[in-house]
Amino acid sequence: MNKKFHKLWETKTKEDEWWSSFVTSPLAILINYFVVDYKWLTPNLITLFSFIVAIIATGFIVIGGTINFIIAAILIHFSHVLDCMDGQMARYRGISSRSGSYFDKLTDEIQVIIWFGAVAYAAYLQTQTVIPVFLAFSGVSFYLLRGYIKYVTIYTEMSDDKEYLIKKHQENLDKEKDKKDGAGLGFGVLANLRWFVHEQKKILSFDEGVFIFMLSAALIFNIFEPILWVFAISQVFYGLYRGWQKGYQMANNQKITIKK
């Protein structure tokens, strides 16, 4: 492997979500290999492309039909590959910015809303009941609650300790230094296989990386309502659990983990 590919591989974060970790993020690195040196192509522009593709995918879901659902599943994956590419490109070039991170996270949240909303609409047309709409609404609401809990936690902690985020950032840096890579380029088949098996536990986090897989499965196999049930139940659970967890940690003066 040449130096450029190695440098791009280093931009892959250790905290990649489940499906991102071994599917969309490696694909993003492969595409970046061919386009990262085009200076006119900026990370923010890729974020915009990702969002546009996400909207087009939503349109195909709303139009409906087997072929359109399959096209939507492909576009959702392509949108997520682009979503991985922007951060990798920024880190490769050393031009990460606050505004880029902000718009990346904002568009991610919007995509979750419109994709599950569109799937709920498609399921409603099939079942003629409001249950899919209720499930999507519940899932999205509690998914957003998970994010809200994170920022309420930060606000509450900073009200008591103005240097809370600085300390938390240093903690994370120390953890990263302690972590040893046990897989990737330069490691054997068994090491990478162990890494792959270990990564599978991330599916239980039910975050955006898992949503990409769930949405694609729903669209390709036409199983909208079962996927919406999984989405709603998982988000209600994590929303309530995270809320209780942060409150319990604060009440008992425990070290708080910032996790969505």
Protein backbone atom coordinates (compact mmCIF):
# COMPACT_ATOMS: atom_id res chain seq x y z
CA MET A 1 0.00 0.00 0.00
CA ASN A 2 1.32 3.44 -0.84
CA LYS A 3 1.82 6.35 1.55
CA LYS A 4 -1.30 8.22 0.42
CA PHE A 5 -3.59 5.29 1.15
CA HIS A 6 -2.00 4.77 4.57
CA LYS A 7 -2.51 8.44 5.41
CA LEU A 8 -6.16 8.22 4.34
CA TRP A 9 -6.66 5.07 6.40
CA GLU A 10 -5.39 6.97 9.45
CA THR A 11 -8.35 9.38 9.06
CA LYS A 12 -10.74 6.52 9.85
CA THR A 13 -11.87 7.11 13.43
CA LYS A 14 -11.75 4.33 16.02
CA GLU A 15 -15.25 5.33 17.17
CA ASP A 16 -16.90 4.68 13.79
CA GLU A 17 -20.47 3.45 14.13
CA TRP A 18 -21.34 -0.18 13.38
CA TRP A 19 -22.13 -0.18 9.63
CA SER A 20 -19.76 2.74 9.02
CA SER A 21 -16.85 0.89 10.60
CA PHE A 22 -16.53 -1.90 8.04
CA VAL A 23 -18.73 -0.80 5.10
CA THR A 24 -19.30 2.89 4.37
CA SER A 25 -16.14 4.29 5.96
CA PRO A 26 -13.75 1.99 4.02
CA LEU A 27 -15.69 2.78 0.82
CA ALA A 28 -15.30 6.48 1.60
CA ILE A 29 -11.53 6.03 1.95
CA LEU A 30 -11.40 4.26 -1.41
CA ILE A 31 -13.27 7.10 -3.17
CA ASN A 32 -11.24 9.75 -1.32
CA TYR A 33 -8.09 8.14 -2.66
CA PHE A 34 -9.07 9.33 -6.15
CA VAL A 35 -10.60 12.74 -5.29
CA VAL A 36 -8.94 14.05 -2.12
CA ASP A 37 -6.31 16.01 -4.05
CA TYR A 38 -8.87 18.04 -6.03
CA LYS A 39 -8.72 21.31 -4.08
CA TRP A 40 -12.03 22.61 -5.46
CA LEU A 41 -13.76 19.65 -3.82
CA THR A 42 -14.06 20.75 -0.19
CA PRO A 43 -15.37 18.81 2.82
CA ASN A 44 -18.28 21.26 3.14
CA LEU A 45 -19.18 20.69 -0.52
CA ILE A 46 -19.22 16.93 0.07
CA THR A 47 -21.50 17.49 3.09
CA LEU A 48 -23.85 19.39 0.78
CA PHE A 49 -23.72 16.59 -1.84
CA SER A 50 -24.49 14.04 0.90
CA PHE A 51 -27.55 16.02 2.00
CA ILE A 52 -28.81 16.44 -1.57
CA VAL A 53 -28.47 12.71 -2.21
CA ALA A 54 -30.36 12.07 1.06
CA ILE A 55 -33.24 14.28 -0.11
CA ILE A 56 -33.34 12.51 -3.50
CA ALA A 57 -33.45 9.14 -1.70
CA THR A 58 -36.39 10.43 0.34
CA GLY A 59 -38.18 11.35 -2.86
CA PHE A 60 -37.81 7.81 -4.24
CA ILE A 61 -39.25 6.39 -1.00
CA VAL A 62 -42.27 8.70 -1.18
CA ILE A 63 -42.90 7.87 -4.85
CA GLY A 64 -42.95 4.19 -3.91
CA GLY A 65 -42.59 0.96 -5.85
CA THR A 66 -40.08 -1.88 -5.61
CA ILE A 67 -37.54 -0.39 -8.02
CA ASN A 68 -37.74 3.04 -6.40
CA PHE A 69 -37.26 1.50 -2.95
CA ILE A 70 -34.10 -0.30 -4.11
CA ILE A 71 -32.79 2.92 -5.69
CA ALA A 72 -33.52 4.74 -2.42
CA ALA A 73 -31.56 2.10 -0.44
CA ILE A 74 -28.55 2.55 -2.75
CA LEU A 75 -28.77 6.35 -2.48
CA ILE A 76 -29.01 6.19 1.32
CA HIS A 77 -25.78 4.21 1.36
CA PHE A 78 -24.13 6.61 -1.08
CA SER A 79 -25.22 9.56 1.06
CA HIS A 80 -23.64 7.92 4.10
CA VAL A 81 -20.42 7.19 2.20
CA LEU A 82 -20.24 10.90 1.35
CA ASP A 83 -20.98 11.66 4.99
CA CYS A 84 -17.89 9.65 5.94
CA MET A 85 -15.82 11.23 3.17
CA ASP A 86 -16.16 14.84 4.33
CA GLY A 87 -14.60 14.22 7.75
CA GLN A 88 -11.88 12.00 6.29
CA MET A 89 -10.98 14.65 3.73
CA ALA A 90 -10.87 17.39 6.37
CA ARG A 91 -8.57 15.32 8.60
CA TYR A 92 -6.37 14.31 5.65
CA ARG A 93 -5.89 17.93 4.64
CA GLY A 94 -5.68 19.19 8.22
CA ILE A 95 -8.52 21.67 7.69
CA SER A 96 -11.16 20.48 10.16
CA SER A 97 -13.44 23.35 11.16
CA ARG A 98 -16.18 24.05 13.69
CA SER A 99 -18.63 25.10 10.98
CA GLY A 100 -17.96 21.93 9.00
CA SER A 101 -18.55 19.77 12.07
CA TYR A 102 -21.72 21.73 12.86
CA PHE A 103 -23.29 21.34 9.41
CA ASP A 104 -22.25 17.70 9.25
CA LYS A 105 -24.05 16.89 12.51
CA LEU A 106 -27.05 19.07 11.63
CA THR A 107 -27.62 17.36 8.27
CA ASP A 108 -27.21 13.95 9.93
CA GLU A 109 -30.11 14.71 12.27
CA ILE A 110 -32.30 16.00 9.45
CA GLN A 111 -31.60 12.91 7.36
CA VAL A 112 -32.76 10.58 10.15
CA ILE A 113 -36.01 12.57 10.42
CA ILE A 114 -36.85 12.66 6.71
CA TRP A 115 -35.81 9.06 6.00
CA PHE A 116 -37.87 7.50 8.76
CA GLY A 117 -40.70 9.91 8.00
CA ALA A 118 -40.70 8.78 4.38
CA VAL A 119 -40.59 5.09 5.37
CA ALA A 120 -43.52 5.70 7.73
CA TYR A 121 -45.45 7.28 4.85
CA ALA A 122 -44.70 4.29 2.60
CA ALA A 123 -45.78 1.90 5.36
CA TYR A 124 -48.98 3.90 5.89
CA LEU A 125 -49.87 3.55 2.20
CA GLN A 126 -49.40 -0.21 2.48
CA THR A 127 -51.24 -0.79 5.77
CA GLN A 128 -53.72 2.11 5.78
CA THR A 129 -53.15 2.45 9.55
CA VAL A 130 -51.45 5.23 11.52
CA ILE A 131 -49.32 2.79 13.51
CA PRO A 132 -46.22 3.23 11.26
CA VAL A 133 -46.54 7.02 11.55
CA PHE A 134 -46.79 6.76 15.34
CA LEU A 135 -43.77 4.44 15.47
CA ALA A 136 -41.64 6.76 13.32
CA PHE A 137 -42.72 9.80 15.36
CA SER A 138 -41.87 8.02 18.63
CA GLY A 139 -38.52 6.79 17.32
CA VAL A 140 -37.44 10.16 15.96
CA SER A 141 -38.61 12.00 19.09
CA PHE A 142 -36.64 9.79 21.46
CA TYR A 143 -33.64 9.74 19.11
CA LEU A 144 -33.57 13.54 19.31
CA LEU A 145 -34.05 13.26 23.08
CA ARG A 146 -30.80 11.28 23.24
CA GLY A 147 -28.98 14.23 21.69
CA TYR A 148 -30.80 16.72 23.92
CA ILE A 149 -29.78 14.77 27.04
CA LYS A 150 -26.15 14.96 25.92
CA TYR A 151 -26.21 18.75 25.63
CA VAL A 152 -28.23 19.26 28.82
CA THR A 153 -25.57 17.19 30.59
CA ILE A 154 -22.79 19.39 29.18
CA TYR A 155 -24.68 22.56 30.13
CA THR A 156 -25.35 21.33 33.66
CA GLU A 157 -21.76 20.23 34.22
CA MET A 158 -20.35 23.51 32.86
CA SER A 159 -22.63 25.48 35.18
CA ASP A 160 -20.72 23.85 38.02
CA ASP A 161 -17.29 23.60 36.37
CA LYS A 162 -16.34 26.04 33.60
CA GLU A 163 -13.40 23.85 32.55
CA TYR A 164 -15.54 20.70 32.25
CA LEU A 165 -15.20 20.41 28.45
CA ILE A 166 -11.44 21.02 28.58
CA LYS A 167 -11.04 18.26 31.15
CA LYS A 168 -13.33 15.93 29.17
CA HIS A 169 -11.36 16.61 25.99
CA GLN A 170 -8.09 15.78 27.75
CA GLU A 171 -9.62 12.59 29.13
CA ASN A 172 -10.60 11.52 25.64
CA LEU A 173 -7.10 12.28 24.32
CA ASP A 174 -5.57 10.19 27.09
CA LYS A 175 -7.92 7.31 26.26
CA GLU A 176 -6.97 7.49 22.59
CA LYS A 177 -3.27 7.28 23.51
CA ASP A 178 -3.91 4.20 25.64
CA LYS A 179 -5.78 2.42 22.86
CA LYS A 180 -3.69 0.10 20.76
CA ASP A 181 -4.68 -0.67 17.21
CA GLY A 182 -5.15 -4.39 16.83
CA ALA A 183 -6.37 -4.44 13.25
CA GLY A 184 -6.25 -2.60 9.96
CA LEU A 185 -3.49 -2.21 7.40
CA GLY A 186 -0.40 -4.16 8.31
CA PHE A 187 -2.21 -6.68 10.52
CA GLY A 188 -2.94 -10.29 9.71
CA VAL A 189 -6.21 -11.96 8.76
CA LEU A 190 -6.87 -13.30 12.27
CA ALA A 191 -6.29 -9.89 13.87
CA ASN A 192 -8.71 -8.26 11.47
CA LEU A 193 -11.23 -11.07 11.97
CA ARG A 194 -11.08 -10.56 15.75
CA TRP A 195 -11.59 -6.82 15.21
CA PHE A 196 -14.57 -7.49 12.94
CA VAL A 197 -16.23 -9.79 15.49
CA HIS A 198 -15.58 -7.24 18.26
CA GLU A 199 -17.17 -4.48 16.17
CA GLN A 200 -20.46 -6.36 15.97
CA LYS A 201 -21.45 -5.33 19.49
CA LYS A 202 -21.87 -1.79 18.16
CA ILE A 203 -25.12 -2.87 16.50
CA LEU A 204 -26.76 -2.61 19.92
CA SER A 205 -26.08 1.14 20.05
CA PHE A 206 -28.87 1.76 17.50
CA ASP A 207 -27.30 4.95 16.15
CA GLU A 208 -27.02 6.40 12.67
CA GLY A 209 -24.70 3.66 11.40
CA VAL A 210 -27.28 1.04 12.39
CA PHE A 211 -30.11 3.13 10.89
CA ILE A 212 -28.47 2.98 7.44
CA PHE A 213 -28.60 -0.82 7.56
CA MET A 214 -32.14 -0.88 8.98
CA LEU A 215 -33.52 1.51 6.37
CA SER A 216 -31.86 -0.38 3.52
CA ALA A 217 -33.21 -3.70 4.78
CA ALA A 218 -36.71 -2.20 5.11
CA LEU A 219 -36.59 -0.85 1.55
CA ILE A 220 -35.04 -3.87 -0.17
CA PHE A 221 -37.15 -6.53 1.61
CA ASN A 222 -40.29 -4.40 1.98
CA ILE A 223 -40.48 -4.85 5.77
CA PHE A 224 -41.33 -1.30 6.82
CA GLU A 225 -43.46 -1.87 9.91
CA PRO A 226 -41.18 -4.42 11.64
CA ILE A 227 -38.18 -2.10 11.15
CA LEU A 228 -40.19 0.84 12.51
CA TRP A 229 -41.06 -1.21 15.59
CA VAL A 230 -37.36 -1.93 16.18
CA PHE A 231 -36.52 1.73 15.61
CA ALA A 232 -39.19 3.01 18.00
CA ILE A 233 -38.52 0.50 20.80
CA SER A 234 -34.74 0.98 20.66
CA GLN A 235 -34.96 4.78 20.74
CA VAL A 236 -37.53 4.88 23.55
CA PHE A 237 -35.29 2.57 25.57
CA TYR A 238 -32.08 4.52 24.96
CA GLY A 239 -33.78 7.89 25.43
CA LEU A 240 -35.17 6.91 28.83
CA TYR A 241 -32.04 5.01 29.86
CA ARG A 242 -29.64 7.84 28.98
CA GLY A 243 -31.84 10.33 30.82
CA TRP A 244 -31.84 8.18 33.95
CA GLN A 245 -28.13 7.36 33.63
CA LYS A 246 -26.95 10.98 33.48
CA GLY A 247 -29.21 12.02 36.35
CA TYR A 248 -28.00 9.11 38.49
CA GLN A 249 -24.34 9.91 37.75
CA MET A 250 -24.84 13.57 38.69
CA ALA A 251 -26.73 12.71 41.89
CA ASN A 252 -23.94 10.36 42.97
CA ASN A 253 -21.06 12.58 41.78
CA GLN A 254 -19.87 9.89 39.39
CA LYS A 255 -17.74 10.50 36.35
CA ILE A 256 -20.15 11.21 33.50
CA THR A 257 -19.70 9.68 30.07
CA ILE A 258 -20.87 11.84 27.16
CA LYS A 259 -22.53 9.39 24.82
CA LYS A 260 -25.59 9.74 22.64
